[in-house]
Amino acid sequence: MENTIEAAGWRGKLNEGLAPRQVEALIYACADMTCKEIARVMGISPKTVSQRLDDARFKLGMQRTVRGLCLEAIKRGIVAPLAVIILINCCMTQQLPAVRRPPSSPRVAQARVNRRGEYELCG
């Protein structure tokens, strides 16, 4: 059995204390979808979506809003955007080359003193 769910550009981990359908509803909520939109995608009623999100909210520590639920799930590593996961995987597989700069001579500061009425023409 697979341990992740991918939907709407997000990946959710199973076996982190939430049921698979709760994780799926949470993923869609993290993708900034409303209960009606989530219900349409999952093929269930909006009331069922709301109940699943409420159950997930209870399991993750009684968050007050869906936004708080999403933030808590991201903080715990239950859900993450796929773009971040892809970026992390790419960085882990190959190291970036070190930046090599040519040795330079020590920099010397130059200062000009101009008195009132004296002008230098640069040209």
PDB file of N, CA and C in Angstrom:
ATOM      1  N   MET A   1       0.837  -1.179   0.000  1.00  0.00           N
ATOM      2  CA  MET A   1       0.000   0.000   0.000  1.00  0.00           C
ATOM      3  C   MET A   1       0.885   1.246   0.000  1.00  0.00           C
ATOM      4  N   GLU A   2       0.520   2.202  -0.820  1.00  0.00           N
ATOM      5  CA  GLU A   2       1.301   3.429  -0.952  1.00  0.00           C
ATOM      6  C   GLU A   2       1.089   4.336   0.259  1.00  0.00           C
ATOM      7  N   ASN A   3       2.121   5.041   0.661  1.00  0.00           N
ATOM      8  CA  ASN A   3       2.049   5.864   1.860  1.00  0.00           C
ATOM      9  C   ASN A   3       1.793   7.337   1.585  1.00  0.00           C
ATOM     10  N   THR A   4       1.536   7.706   0.337  1.00  0.00           N
ATOM     11  CA  THR A   4       1.270   9.109   0.021  1.00  0.00           C
ATOM     12  C   THR A   4       0.081   9.239  -0.911  1.00  0.00           C
ATOM     13  N   ILE A   5      -0.522  10.419  -0.885  1.00  0.00           N
ATOM     14  CA  ILE A   5      -1.601  10.775  -1.803  1.00  0.00           C
ATOM     15  C   ILE A   5      -1.169  12.057  -2.497  1.00  0.00           C
ATOM     16  N   GLU A   6      -1.285  12.106  -3.824  1.00  0.00           N
ATOM     17  CA  GLU A   6      -0.956  13.310  -4.573  1.00  0.00           C
ATOM     18  C   GLU A   6      -2.205  13.826  -5.260  1.00  0.00           C
ATOM     19  N   ALA A   7      -2.485  15.103  -5.067  1.00  0.00           N
ATOM     20  CA  ALA A   7      -3.644  15.730  -5.705  1.00  0.00           C
ATOM     21  C   ALA A   7      -3.464  17.237  -5.693  1.00  0.00           C
ATOM     22  N   ALA A   8      -3.908  17.889  -6.727  1.00  0.00           N
ATOM     23  CA  ALA A   8      -3.943  19.351  -6.823  1.00  0.00           C
ATOM     24  C   ALA A   8      -2.590  19.998  -6.550  1.00  0.00           C
ATOM     25  N   GLY A   9      -1.503  19.339  -6.954  1.00  0.00           N
ATOM     26  CA  GLY A   9      -0.180  19.906  -6.754  1.00  0.00           C
ATOM     27  C   GLY A   9       0.359  19.765  -5.346  1.00  0.00           C
ATOM     28  N   TRP A  10      -0.246  18.909  -4.542  1.00  0.00           N
ATOM     29  CA  TRP A  10       0.181  18.689  -3.163  1.00  0.00           C
ATOM     30  C   TRP A  10       0.376  17.204  -2.924  1.00  0.00           C
ATOM     31  N   ARG A  11       1.206  16.861  -1.959  1.00  0.00           N
ATOM     32  CA  ARG A  11       1.410  15.473  -1.552  1.00  0.00           C
ATOM     33  C   ARG A  11       1.083  15.361  -0.068  1.00  0.00           C
ATOM     34  N   GLY A  12       0.292  14.340   0.268  1.00  0.00           N
ATOM     35  CA  GLY A  12      -0.077  14.104   1.659  1.00  0.00           C
ATOM     36  C   GLY A  12       0.414  12.742   2.125  1.00  0.00           C
ATOM     37  N   LYS A  13       0.907  12.684   3.350  1.00  0.00           N
ATOM     38  CA  LYS A  13       1.387  11.430   3.927  1.00  0.00           C
ATOM     39  C   LYS A  13       0.256  10.730   4.665  1.00  0.00           C
ATOM     40  N   LEU A  14       0.167   9.438   4.463  1.00  0.00           N
ATOM     41  CA  LEU A  14      -0.772   8.619   5.218  1.00  0.00           C
ATOM     42  C   LEU A  14      -0.071   8.102   6.469  1.00  0.00           C
ATOM     43  N   ASN A  15      -0.798   7.484   7.350  1.00  0.00           N
ATOM     44  CA  ASN A  15      -0.265   6.921   8.598  1.00  0.00           C
ATOM     45  C   ASN A  15       0.335   8.000   9.501  1.00  0.00           C
ATOM     46  N   GLU A  16      -0.217   9.201   9.439  1.00  0.00           N
ATOM     47  CA  GLU A  16       0.235  10.293  10.318  1.00  0.00           C
ATOM     48  C   GLU A  16      -0.876  10.689  11.293  1.00  0.00           C
ATOM     49  N   GLY A  17      -1.862   9.810  11.470  1.00  0.00           N
ATOM     50  CA  GLY A  17      -2.938  10.078  12.413  1.00  0.00           C
ATOM     51  C   GLY A  17      -4.253  10.471  11.765  1.00  0.00           C
ATOM     52  N   LEU A  18      -4.252  10.686  10.448  1.00  0.00           N
ATOM     53  CA  LEU A  18      -5.479  11.049   9.735  1.00  0.00           C
ATOM     54  C   LEU A  18      -5.881   9.933   8.783  1.00  0.00           C
ATOM     55  N   ALA A  19      -7.188   9.802   8.559  1.00  0.00           N
ATOM     56  CA  ALA A  19      -7.709   8.819   7.612  1.00  0.00           C
ATOM     57  C   ALA A  19      -7.380   9.276   6.186  1.00  0.00           C
ATOM     58  N   PRO A  20      -7.301   8.345   5.229  1.00  0.00           N
ATOM     59  CA  PRO A  20      -6.956   8.719   3.855  1.00  0.00           C
ATOM     60  C   PRO A  20      -7.894   9.764   3.240  1.00  0.00           C
ATOM     61  N   ARG A  21      -9.191   9.653   3.480  1.00  0.00           N
ATOM     62  CA  ARG A  21     -10.121  10.637   2.906  1.00  0.00           C
ATOM     63  C   ARG A  21     -10.006  11.982   3.618  1.00  0.00           C
ATOM     64  N   GLN A  22      -9.619  11.985   4.874  1.00  0.00           N
ATOM     65  CA  GLN A  22      -9.361  13.247   5.575  1.00  0.00           C
ATOM     66  C   GLN A  22      -8.127  13.925   4.991  1.00  0.00           C
ATOM     67  N   VAL A  23      -7.105  13.142   4.698  1.00  0.00           N
ATOM     68  CA  VAL A  23      -5.892  13.693   4.089  1.00  0.00           C
ATOM     69  C   VAL A  23      -6.213  14.252   2.708  1.00  0.00           C
ATOM     70  N   GLU A  24      -7.030  13.540   1.952  1.00  0.00           N
ATOM     71  CA  GLU A  24      -7.406  14.012   0.615  1.00  0.00           C
ATOM     72  C   GLU A  24      -8.165  15.337   0.695  1.00  0.00           C
ATOM     73  N   ALA A  25      -9.130  15.430   1.599  1.00  0.00           N
ATOM     74  CA  ALA A  25      -9.868  16.687   1.775  1.00  0.00           C
ATOM     75  C   ALA A  25      -8.934  17.792   2.246  1.00  0.00           C
ATOM     76  N   LEU A  26      -7.992  17.462   3.111  1.00  0.00           N
ATOM     77  CA  LEU A  26      -7.018  18.437   3.604  1.00  0.00           C
ATOM     78  C   LEU A  26      -6.119  18.935   2.487  1.00  0.00           C
ATOM     79  N   ILE A  27      -5.721  18.056   1.604  1.00  0.00           N
ATOM     80  CA  ILE A  27      -4.892  18.456   0.464  1.00  0.00           C
ATOM     81  C   ILE A  27      -5.630  19.476  -0.400  1.00  0.00           C
ATOM     82  N   TYR A  28      -6.887  19.200  -0.686  1.00  0.00           N
ATOM     83  CA  TYR A  28      -7.663  20.131  -1.504  1.00  0.00           C
ATOM     84  C   TYR A  28      -7.884  21.449  -0.756  1.00  0.00           C
ATOM     85  N   ALA A  29      -8.048  21.389   0.554  1.00  0.00           N
ATOM     86  CA  ALA A  29      -8.199  22.615   1.337  1.00  0.00           C
ATOM     87  C   ALA A  29      -6.911  23.423   1.298  1.00  0.00           C
ATOM     88  N   CYS A  30      -5.770  22.754   1.351  1.00  0.00           N
ATOM     89  CA  CYS A  30      -4.477  23.447   1.252  1.00  0.00           C
ATOM     90  C   CYS A  30      -4.288  24.062  -0.128  1.00  0.00           C
ATOM     91  N   ALA A  31      -4.929  23.488  -1.134  1.00  0.00           N
ATOM     92  CA  ALA A  31      -4.865  24.038  -2.493  1.00  0.00           C
ATOM     93  C   ALA A  31      -5.857  25.185  -2.673  1.00  0.00           C
ATOM     94  N   ASP A  32      -6.433  25.675  -1.564  1.00  0.00           N
ATOM     95  CA  ASP A  32      -7.324  26.839  -1.542  1.00  0.00           C
ATOM     96  C   ASP A  32      -8.645  26.584  -2.274  1.00  0.00           C
ATOM     97  N   MET A  33      -9.200  25.389  -2.068  1.00  0.00           N
ATOM     98  CA  MET A  33     -10.506  25.066  -2.631  1.00  0.00           C
ATOM     99  C   MET A  33     -11.560  25.182  -1.530  1.00  0.00           C
ATOM    100  N   THR A  34     -12.779  25.548  -1.907  1.00  0.00           N
ATOM    101  CA  THR A  34     -13.881  25.638  -0.958  1.00  0.00           C
ATOM    102  C   THR A  34     -14.463  24.241  -0.720  1.00  0.00           C
ATOM    103  N   CYS A  35     -15.346  24.132   0.279  1.00  0.00           N
ATOM    104  CA  CYS A  35     -15.981  22.837   0.565  1.00  0.00           C
ATOM    105  C   CYS A  35     -16.787  22.336  -0.626  1.00  0.00           C
ATOM    106  N   LYS A  36     -17.461  23.246  -1.323  1.00  0.00           N
ATOM    107  CA  LYS A  36     -18.244  22.837  -2.493  1.00  0.00           C
ATOM    108  C   LYS A  36     -17.345  22.316  -3.608  1.00  0.00           C
ATOM    109  N   GLU A  37     -16.216  22.980  -3.828  1.00  0.00           N
ATOM    110  CA  GLU A  37     -15.292  22.534  -4.873  1.00  0.00           C
ATOM    111  C   GLU A  37     -14.662  21.190  -4.505  1.00  0.00           C
ATOM    112  N   ILE A  38     -14.301  21.040  -3.241  1.00  0.00           N
ATOM    113  CA  ILE A  38     -13.734  19.772  -2.778  1.00  0.00           C
ATOM    114  C   ILE A  38     -14.763  18.653  -2.927  1.00  0.00           C
ATOM    115  N   ALA A  39     -16.019  18.941  -2.570  1.00  0.00           N
ATOM    116  CA  ALA A  39     -17.089  17.940  -2.681  1.00  0.00           C
ATOM    117  C   ALA A  39     -17.279  17.495  -4.124  1.00  0.00           C
ATOM    118  N   ARG A  40     -17.216  18.445  -5.040  1.00  0.00           N
ATOM    119  CA  ARG A  40     -17.372  18.126  -6.461  1.00  0.00           C
ATOM    120  C   ARG A  40     -16.247  17.206  -6.929  1.00  0.00           C
ATOM    121  N   VAL A  41     -15.022  17.491  -6.528  1.00  0.00           N
ATOM    122  CA  VAL A  41     -13.872  16.689  -6.954  1.00  0.00           C
ATOM    123  C   VAL A  41     -13.896  15.300  -6.314  1.00  0.00           C
ATOM    124  N   MET A  42     -14.241  15.232  -5.021  1.00  0.00           N
ATOM    125  CA  MET A  42     -14.229  13.953  -4.311  1.00  0.00           C
ATOM    126  C   MET A  42     -15.497  13.140  -4.529  1.00  0.00           C
ATOM    127  N   GLY A  43     -16.540  13.750  -5.066  1.00  0.00           N
ATOM    128  CA  GLY A  43     -17.785  13.029  -5.308  1.00  0.00           C
ATOM    129  C   GLY A  43     -18.606  12.789  -4.059  1.00  0.00           C
ATOM    130  N   ILE A  44     -18.534  13.711  -3.101  1.00  0.00           N
ATOM    131  CA  ILE A  44     -19.299  13.602  -1.865  1.00  0.00           C
ATOM    132  C   ILE A  44     -20.009  14.923  -1.622  1.00  0.00           C
ATOM    133  N   SER A  45     -20.812  15.003  -0.565  1.00  0.00           N
ATOM    134  CA  SER A  45     -21.543  16.234  -0.294  1.00  0.00           C
ATOM    135  C   SER A  45     -20.647  17.240   0.442  1.00  0.00           C
ATOM    136  N   PRO A  46     -20.951  18.539   0.310  1.00  0.00           N
ATOM    137  CA  PRO A  46     -20.171  19.557   1.024  1.00  0.00           C
ATOM    138  C   PRO A  46     -20.209  19.374   2.542  1.00  0.00           C
ATOM    139  N   LYS A  47     -21.321  18.882   3.062  1.00  0.00           N
ATOM    140  CA  LYS A  47     -21.429  18.633   4.508  1.00  0.00           C
ATOM    141  C   LYS A  47     -20.435  17.549   4.940  1.00  0.00           C
ATOM    142  N   THR A  48     -20.256  16.521   4.105  1.00  0.00           N
ATOM    143  CA  THR A  48     -19.304  15.454   4.416  1.00  0.00           C
ATOM    144  C   THR A  48     -17.877  15.997   4.402  1.00  0.00           C
ATOM    145  N   VAL A  49     -17.580  16.878   3.440  1.00  0.00           N
ATOM    146  CA  VAL A  49     -16.254  17.504   3.385  1.00  0.00           C
ATOM    147  C   VAL A  49     -16.016  18.305   4.657  1.00  0.00           C
ATOM    148  N   SER A  50     -17.004  19.085   5.042  1.00  0.00           N
ATOM    149  CA  SER A  50     -16.892  19.890   6.251  1.00  0.00           C
ATOM    150  C   SER A  50     -16.658  19.007   7.474  1.00  0.00           C
ATOM    151  N   GLN A  51     -17.354  17.881   7.543  1.00  0.00           N
ATOM    152  CA  GLN A  51     -17.191  16.958   8.669  1.00  0.00           C
ATOM    153  C   GLN A  51     -15.798  16.338   8.670  1.00  0.00           C
ATOM    154  N   ARG A  52     -15.286  15.988   7.498  1.00  0.00           N
ATOM    155  CA  ARG A  52     -13.941  15.397   7.424  1.00  0.00           C
ATOM    156  C   ARG A  52     -12.884  16.408   7.859  1.00  0.00           C
ATOM    157  N   LEU A  53     -13.050  17.649   7.439  1.00  0.00           N
ATOM    158  CA  LEU A  53     -12.099  18.683   7.848  1.00  0.00           C
ATOM    159  C   LEU A  53     -12.201  18.961   9.349  1.00  0.00           C
ATOM    160  N   ASP A  54     -13.435  18.918   9.890  1.00  0.00           N
ATOM    161  CA  ASP A  54     -13.608  19.099  11.330  1.00  0.00           C
ATOM    162  C   ASP A  54     -12.947  17.973  12.108  1.00  0.00           C
ATOM    163  N   ASP A  55     -13.083  16.730  11.612  1.00  0.00           N
ATOM    164  CA  ASP A  55     -12.442  15.589  12.277  1.00  0.00           C
ATOM    165  C   ASP A  55     -10.918  15.719  12.228  1.00  0.00           C
ATOM    166  N   ALA A  56     -10.391  16.146  11.086  1.00  0.00           N
ATOM    167  CA  ALA A  56      -8.942  16.343  10.958  1.00  0.00           C
ATOM    168  C   ALA A  56      -8.480  17.462  11.883  1.00  0.00           C
ATOM    169  N   ARG A  57      -9.291  18.504  11.983  1.00  0.00           N
ATOM    170  CA  ARG A  57      -8.978  19.626  12.871  1.00  0.00           C
ATOM    171  C   ARG A  57      -8.905  19.152  14.329  1.00  0.00           C
ATOM    172  N   PHE A  58      -9.832  18.295  14.717  1.00  0.00           N
ATOM    173  CA  PHE A  58      -9.840  17.746  16.076  1.00  0.00           C
ATOM    174  C   PHE A  58      -8.598  16.893  16.331  1.00  0.00           C
ATOM    175  N   LYS A  59      -8.239  16.058  15.348  1.00  0.00           N
ATOM    176  CA  LYS A  59      -7.092  15.165  15.512  1.00  0.00           C
ATOM    177  C   LYS A  59      -5.768  15.928  15.569  1.00  0.00           C
ATOM    178  N   LEU A  60      -5.720  17.086  14.918  1.00  0.00           N
ATOM    179  CA  LEU A  60      -4.470  17.859  14.905  1.00  0.00           C
ATOM    180  C   LEU A  60      -4.448  18.962  15.952  1.00  0.00           C
ATOM    181  N   GLY A  61      -5.362  18.928  16.890  1.00  0.00           N
ATOM    182  CA  GLY A  61      -5.265  19.852  18.009  1.00  0.00           C
ATOM    183  C   GLY A  61      -6.253  20.991  18.008  1.00  0.00           C
ATOM    184  N   MET A  62      -7.466  20.758  17.541  1.00  0.00           N
ATOM    185  CA  MET A  62      -8.547  21.748  17.617  1.00  0.00           C
ATOM    186  C   MET A  62      -8.167  23.107  17.020  1.00  0.00           C
ATOM    187  N   GLN A  63      -7.736  23.104  15.795  1.00  0.00           N
ATOM    188  CA  GLN A  63      -7.474  24.354  15.087  1.00  0.00           C
ATOM    189  C   GLN A  63      -8.800  25.061  14.848  1.00  0.00           C
ATOM    190  N   ARG A  64      -8.803  26.379  14.890  1.00  0.00           N
ATOM    191  CA  ARG A  64     -10.056  27.127  14.771  1.00  0.00           C
ATOM    192  C   ARG A  64     -10.567  27.246  13.344  1.00  0.00           C
ATOM    193  N   THR A  65      -9.660  27.325  12.387  1.00  0.00           N
ATOM    194  CA  THR A  65     -10.065  27.528  10.994  1.00  0.00           C
ATOM    195  C   THR A  65      -9.416  26.481  10.102  1.00  0.00           C
ATOM    196  N   VAL A  66      -9.885  26.426   8.871  1.00  0.00           N
ATOM    197  CA  VAL A  66      -9.288  25.522   7.891  1.00  0.00           C
ATOM    198  C   VAL A  66      -7.869  25.992   7.580  1.00  0.00           C
ATOM    199  N   ARG A  67      -7.660  27.298   7.561  1.00  0.00           N
ATOM    200  CA  ARG A  67      -6.316  27.828   7.331  1.00  0.00           C
ATOM    201  C   ARG A  67      -5.363  27.360   8.438  1.00  0.00           C
ATOM    202  N   GLY A  68      -5.821  27.403   9.675  1.00  0.00           N
ATOM    203  CA  GLY A  68      -5.008  26.916  10.790  1.00  0.00           C
ATOM    204  C   GLY A  68      -4.728  25.429  10.672  1.00  0.00           C
ATOM    205  N   LEU A  69      -5.724  24.681  10.211  1.00  0.00           N
ATOM    206  CA  LEU A  69      -5.546  23.247   9.988  1.00  0.00           C
ATOM    207  C   LEU A  69      -4.481  22.998   8.932  1.00  0.00           C
ATOM    208  N   CYS A  70      -4.542  23.753   7.836  1.00  0.00           N
ATOM    209  CA  CYS A  70      -3.556  23.599   6.763  1.00  0.00           C
ATOM    210  C   CYS A  70      -2.151  23.938   7.253  1.00  0.00           C
ATOM    211  N   LEU A  71      -2.030  25.021   8.006  1.00  0.00           N
ATOM    212  CA  LEU A  71      -0.722  25.410   8.525  1.00  0.00           C
ATOM    213  C   LEU A  71      -0.163  24.364   9.484  1.00  0.00           C
ATOM    214  N   GLU A  72      -1.023  23.821  10.323  1.00  0.00           N
ATOM    215  CA  GLU A  72      -0.579  22.789  11.266  1.00  0.00           C
ATOM    216  C   GLU A  72      -0.143  21.527  10.521  1.00  0.00           C
ATOM    217  N   ALA A  73      -0.883  21.147   9.481  1.00  0.00           N
ATOM    218  CA  ALA A  73      -0.533  19.958   8.698  1.00  0.00           C
ATOM    219  C   ALA A  73       0.786  20.159   7.962  1.00  0.00           C
ATOM    220  N   ILE A  74       1.029  21.358   7.453  1.00  0.00           N
ATOM    221  CA  ILE A  74       2.295  21.646   6.784  1.00  0.00           C
ATOM    222  C   ILE A  74       3.430  21.631   7.798  1.00  0.00           C
ATOM    223  N   LYS A  75       3.191  22.210   8.961  1.00  0.00           N
ATOM    224  CA  LYS A  75       4.209  22.243  10.020  1.00  0.00           C
ATOM    225  C   LYS A  75       4.595  20.840  10.464  1.00  0.00           C
ATOM    226  N   ARG A  76       3.611  19.948  10.557  1.00  0.00           N
ATOM    227  CA  ARG A  76       3.884  18.567  10.979  1.00  0.00           C
ATOM    228  C   ARG A  76       4.405  17.693   9.845  1.00  0.00           C
ATOM    229  N   GLY A  77       4.403  18.203   8.623  1.00  0.00           N
ATOM    230  CA  GLY A  77       4.906  17.438   7.489  1.00  0.00           C
ATOM    231  C   GLY A  77       3.903  16.460   6.921  1.00  0.00           C
ATOM    232  N   ILE A  78       2.628  16.637   7.238  1.00  0.00           N
ATOM    233  CA  ILE A  78       1.597  15.740   6.711  1.00  0.00           C
ATOM    234  C   ILE A  78       1.320  16.068   5.242  1.00  0.00           C
ATOM    235  N   VAL A  79       1.288  17.346   4.905  1.00  0.00           N
ATOM    236  CA  VAL A  79       1.112  17.762   3.513  1.00  0.00           C
ATOM    237  C   VAL A  79       2.226  18.729   3.135  1.00  0.00           C
ATOM    238  N   ALA A  80       2.562  18.727   1.833  1.00  0.00           N
ATOM    239  CA  ALA A  80       3.581  19.637   1.319  1.00  0.00           C
ATOM    240  C   ALA A  80       3.314  19.866  -0.164  1.00  0.00           C
ATOM    241  N   PRO A  81       3.615  21.058  -0.674  1.00  0.00           N
ATOM    242  CA  PRO A  81       3.457  21.301  -2.107  1.00  0.00           C
ATOM    243  C   PRO A  81       4.432  20.444  -2.895  1.00  0.00           C
ATOM    244  N   LEU A  82       4.008  19.931  -4.043  1.00  0.00           N
ATOM    245  CA  LEU A  82       4.874  19.078  -4.856  1.00  0.00           C
ATOM    246  C   LEU A  82       6.079  19.843  -5.374  1.00  0.00           C
ATOM    247  N   ALA A  83       5.934  21.141  -5.632  1.00  0.00           N
ATOM    248  CA  ALA A  83       7.064  21.926  -6.130  1.00  0.00           C
ATOM    249  C   ALA A  83       8.211  21.911  -5.133  1.00  0.00           C
ATOM    250  N   VAL A  84       7.907  22.002  -3.848  1.00  0.00           N
ATOM    251  CA  VAL A  84       8.942  21.961  -2.815  1.00  0.00           C
ATOM    252  C   VAL A  84       9.574  20.580  -2.765  1.00  0.00           C
ATOM    253  N   ILE A  85       8.765  19.543  -2.873  1.00  0.00           N
ATOM    254  CA  ILE A  85       9.273  18.171  -2.821  1.00  0.00           C
ATOM    255  C   ILE A  85      10.173  17.901  -4.014  1.00  0.00           C
ATOM    256  N   ILE A  86       9.766  18.345  -5.198  1.00  0.00           N
ATOM    257  CA  ILE A  86      10.581  18.154  -6.394  1.00  0.00           C
ATOM    258  C   ILE A  86      11.895  18.906  -6.257  1.00  0.00           C
ATOM    259  N   LEU A  87      11.845  20.132  -5.749  1.00  0.00           N
ATOM    260  CA  LEU A  87      13.051  20.931  -5.566  1.00  0.00           C
ATOM    261  C   LEU A  87      14.000  20.262  -4.579  1.00  0.00           C
ATOM    262  N   ILE A  88      13.471  19.753  -3.485  1.00  0.00           N
ATOM    263  CA  ILE A  88      14.315  19.078  -2.491  1.00  0.00           C
ATOM    264  C   ILE A  88      14.934  17.827  -3.086  1.00  0.00           C
ATOM    265  N   ASN A  89      14.154  17.046  -3.836  1.00  0.00           N
ATOM    266  CA  ASN A  89      14.682  15.827  -4.446  1.00  0.00           C
ATOM    267  C   ASN A  89      15.765  16.139  -5.461  1.00  0.00           C
ATOM    268  N   CYS A  90      15.593  17.189  -6.240  1.00  0.00           N
ATOM    269  CA  CYS A  90      16.607  17.568  -7.226  1.00  0.00           C
ATOM    270  C   CYS A  90      17.892  18.004  -6.539  1.00  0.00           C
ATOM    271  N   CYS A  91      17.768  18.769  -5.470  1.00  0.00           N
ATOM    272  CA  CYS A  91      18.961  19.240  -4.758  1.00  0.00           C
ATOM    273  C   CYS A  91      19.673  18.107  -4.045  1.00  0.00           C
ATOM    274  N   MET A  92      18.934  17.096  -3.613  1.00  0.00           N
ATOM    275  CA  MET A  92      19.562  15.983  -2.917  1.00  0.00           C
ATOM    276  C   MET A  92      20.332  15.081  -3.880  1.00  0.00           C
ATOM    277  N   THR A  93      19.890  14.984  -5.141  1.00  0.00           N
ATOM    278  CA  THR A  93      20.533  14.066  -6.073  1.00  0.00           C
ATOM    279  C   THR A  93      21.800  14.647  -6.680  1.00  0.00           C
ATOM    280  N   GLN A  94      21.866  15.944  -6.868  1.00  0.00           N
ATOM    281  CA  GLN A  94      23.074  16.538  -7.436  1.00  0.00           C
ATOM    282  C   GLN A  94      23.490  17.751  -6.621  1.00  0.00           C
ATOM    283  N   GLN A  95      24.777  17.870  -6.438  1.00  0.00           N
ATOM    284  CA  GLN A  95      25.281  19.017  -5.715  1.00  0.00           C
ATOM    285  C   GLN A  95      25.589  20.130  -6.703  1.00  0.00           C
ATOM    286  N   LEU A  96      25.374  21.344  -6.273  1.00  0.00           N
ATOM    287  CA  LEU A  96      25.724  22.476  -7.102  1.00  0.00           C
ATOM    288  C   LEU A  96      27.230  22.670  -7.084  1.00  0.00           C
ATOM    289  N   PRO A  97      27.811  23.040  -8.241  1.00  0.00           N
ATOM    290  CA  PRO A  97      29.261  23.237  -8.258  1.00  0.00           C
ATOM    291  C   PRO A  97      29.656  24.445  -7.409  1.00  0.00           C
ATOM    292  N   ALA A  98      30.855  24.361  -6.842  1.00  0.00           N
ATOM    293  CA  ALA A  98      31.353  25.460  -6.029  1.00  0.00           C
ATOM    294  C   ALA A  98      31.676  26.658  -6.926  1.00  0.00           C
ATOM    295  N   VAL A  99      31.461  27.837  -6.413  1.00  0.00           N
ATOM    296  CA  VAL A  99      31.748  29.044  -7.168  1.00  0.00           C
ATOM    297  C   VAL A  99      33.223  29.365  -6.989  1.00  0.00           C
ATOM    298  N   ARG A 100      33.930  29.450  -8.101  1.00  0.00           N
ATOM    299  CA  ARG A 100      35.356  29.763  -8.070  1.00  0.00           C
ATOM    300  C   ARG A 100      35.550  31.171  -8.609  1.00  0.00           C
ATOM    301  N   ARG A 101      36.174  32.006  -7.817  1.00  0.00           N
ATOM    302  CA  ARG A 101      36.452  33.371  -8.247  1.00  0.00           C
ATOM    303  C   ARG A 101      37.965  33.530  -8.379  1.00  0.00           C
ATOM    304  N   PRO A 102      38.400  34.274  -9.397  1.00  0.00           N
ATOM    305  CA  PRO A 102      39.847  34.468  -9.546  1.00  0.00           C
ATOM    306  C   PRO A 102      40.390  35.315  -8.394  1.00  0.00           C
ATOM    307  N   PRO A 103      41.617  35.047  -8.002  1.00  0.00           N
ATOM    308  CA  PRO A 103      42.186  35.868  -6.930  1.00  0.00           C
ATOM    309  C   PRO A 103      42.320  37.317  -7.403  1.00  0.00           C
ATOM    310  N   SER A 104      41.992  38.218  -6.558  1.00  0.00           N
ATOM    311  CA  SER A 104      42.057  39.621  -6.944  1.00  0.00           C
ATOM    312  C   SER A 104      43.074  40.341  -6.077  1.00  0.00           C
ATOM    313  N   SER A 105      43.568  41.432  -6.623  1.00  0.00           N
ATOM    314  CA  SER A 105      44.517  42.233  -5.850  1.00  0.00           C
ATOM    315  C   SER A 105      43.729  42.978  -4.773  1.00  0.00           C
ATOM    316  N   PRO A 106      44.403  43.342  -3.704  1.00  0.00           N
ATOM    317  CA  PRO A 106      43.696  44.064  -2.652  1.00  0.00           C
ATOM    318  C   PRO A 106      43.128  45.378  -3.182  1.00  0.00           C
ATOM    319  N   ARG A 107      41.943  45.674  -2.773  1.00  0.00           N
ATOM    320  CA  ARG A 107      41.292  46.892  -3.239  1.00  0.00           C
ATOM    321  C   ARG A 107      41.797  48.085  -2.441  1.00  0.00           C
ATOM    322  N   VAL A 108      42.026  49.161  -3.163  1.00  0.00           N
ATOM    323  CA  VAL A 108      42.520  50.382  -2.538  1.00  0.00           C
ATOM    324  C   VAL A 108      41.441  51.442  -2.667  1.00  0.00           C
ATOM    325  N   ALA A 109      41.147  52.062  -1.591  1.00  0.00           N
ATOM    326  CA  ALA A 109      40.135  53.113  -1.620  1.00  0.00           C
ATOM    327  C   ALA A 109      40.773  54.408  -2.110  1.00  0.00           C
ATOM    328  N   GLN A 110      40.040  55.084  -2.971  1.00  0.00           N
ATOM    329  CA  GLN A 110      40.513  56.366  -3.483  1.00  0.00           C
ATOM    330  C   GLN A 110      39.552  57.448  -3.027  1.00  0.00           C
ATOM    331  N   ALA A 111      40.131  58.543  -2.588  1.00  0.00           N
ATOM    332  CA  ALA A 111      39.294  59.648  -2.134  1.00  0.00           C
ATOM    333  C   ALA A 111      39.733  60.919  -2.838  1.00  0.00           C
ATOM    334  N   ARG A 112      38.789  61.742  -3.220  1.00  0.00           N
ATOM    335  CA  ARG A 112      39.064  63.032  -3.832  1.00  0.00           C
ATOM    336  C   ARG A 112      38.617  64.126  -2.890  1.00  0.00           C
ATOM    337  N   VAL A 113      39.446  65.125  -2.787  1.00  0.00           N
ATOM    338  CA  VAL A 113      39.090  66.269  -1.972  1.00  0.00           C
ATOM    339  C   VAL A 113      38.891  67.447  -2.921  1.00  0.00           C
ATOM    340  N   ASN A 114      37.705  67.957  -2.942  1.00  0.00           N
ATOM    341  CA  ASN A 114      37.405  69.130  -3.761  1.00  0.00           C
ATOM    342  C   ASN A 114      37.111  70.293  -2.842  1.00  0.00           C
ATOM    343  N   ARG A 115      37.720  71.392  -3.175  1.00  0.00           N
ATOM    344  CA  ARG A 115      37.442  72.602  -2.403  1.00  0.00           C
ATOM    345  C   ARG A 115      36.409  73.399  -3.145  1.00  0.00           C
ATOM    346  N   ARG A 116      35.755  74.272  -2.413  1.00  0.00           N
ATOM    347  CA  ARG A 116      34.736  75.104  -3.015  1.00  0.00           C
ATOM    348  C   ARG A 116      35.354  75.933  -4.137  1.00  0.00           C
ATOM    349  N   GLY A 117      34.710  75.872  -5.289  1.00  0.00           N
ATOM    350  CA  GLY A 117      35.168  76.660  -6.424  1.00  0.00           C
ATOM    351  C   GLY A 117      36.076  75.886  -7.347  1.00  0.00           C
ATOM    352  N   GLU A 118      36.583  74.728  -6.955  1.00  0.00           N
ATOM    353  CA  GLU A 118      37.446  73.936  -7.836  1.00  0.00           C
ATOM    354  C   GLU A 118      36.619  72.813  -8.428  1.00  0.00           C
ATOM    355  N   TYR A 119      36.703  72.648  -9.724  1.00  0.00           N
ATOM    356  CA  TYR A 119      35.960  71.594 -10.401  1.00  0.00           C
ATOM    357  C   TYR A 119      36.916  70.809 -11.252  1.00  0.00           C
ATOM    358  N   GLU A 120      36.754  69.495 -11.239  1.00  0.00           N
ATOM    359  CA  GLU A 120      37.547  68.649 -12.104  1.00  0.00           C
ATOM    360  C   GLU A 120      36.656  68.176 -13.250  1.00  0.00           C
ATOM    361  N   LEU A 121      37.186  68.220 -14.421  1.00  0.00           N
ATOM    362  CA  LEU A 121      36.453  67.713 -15.562  1.00  0.00           C
ATOM    363  C   LEU A 121      36.917  66.303 -15.832  1.00  0.00           C
ATOM    364  N   CYS A 122      35.974  65.418 -15.858  1.00  0.00           N
ATOM    365  CA  CYS A 122      36.291  64.035 -16.171  1.00  0.00           C
ATOM    366  C   CYS A 122      35.985  63.831 -17.645  1.00  0.00           C
ATOM    367  N   GLY A 123      36.845  63.236 -18.330  1.00  0.00           N
ATOM    368  CA  GLY A 123      36.475  63.134 -19.700  1.00  0.00           C
ATOM    369  C   GLY A 123      37.307  62.293 -20.497  1.00  0.00           C
TER     370      GLY A 123
END
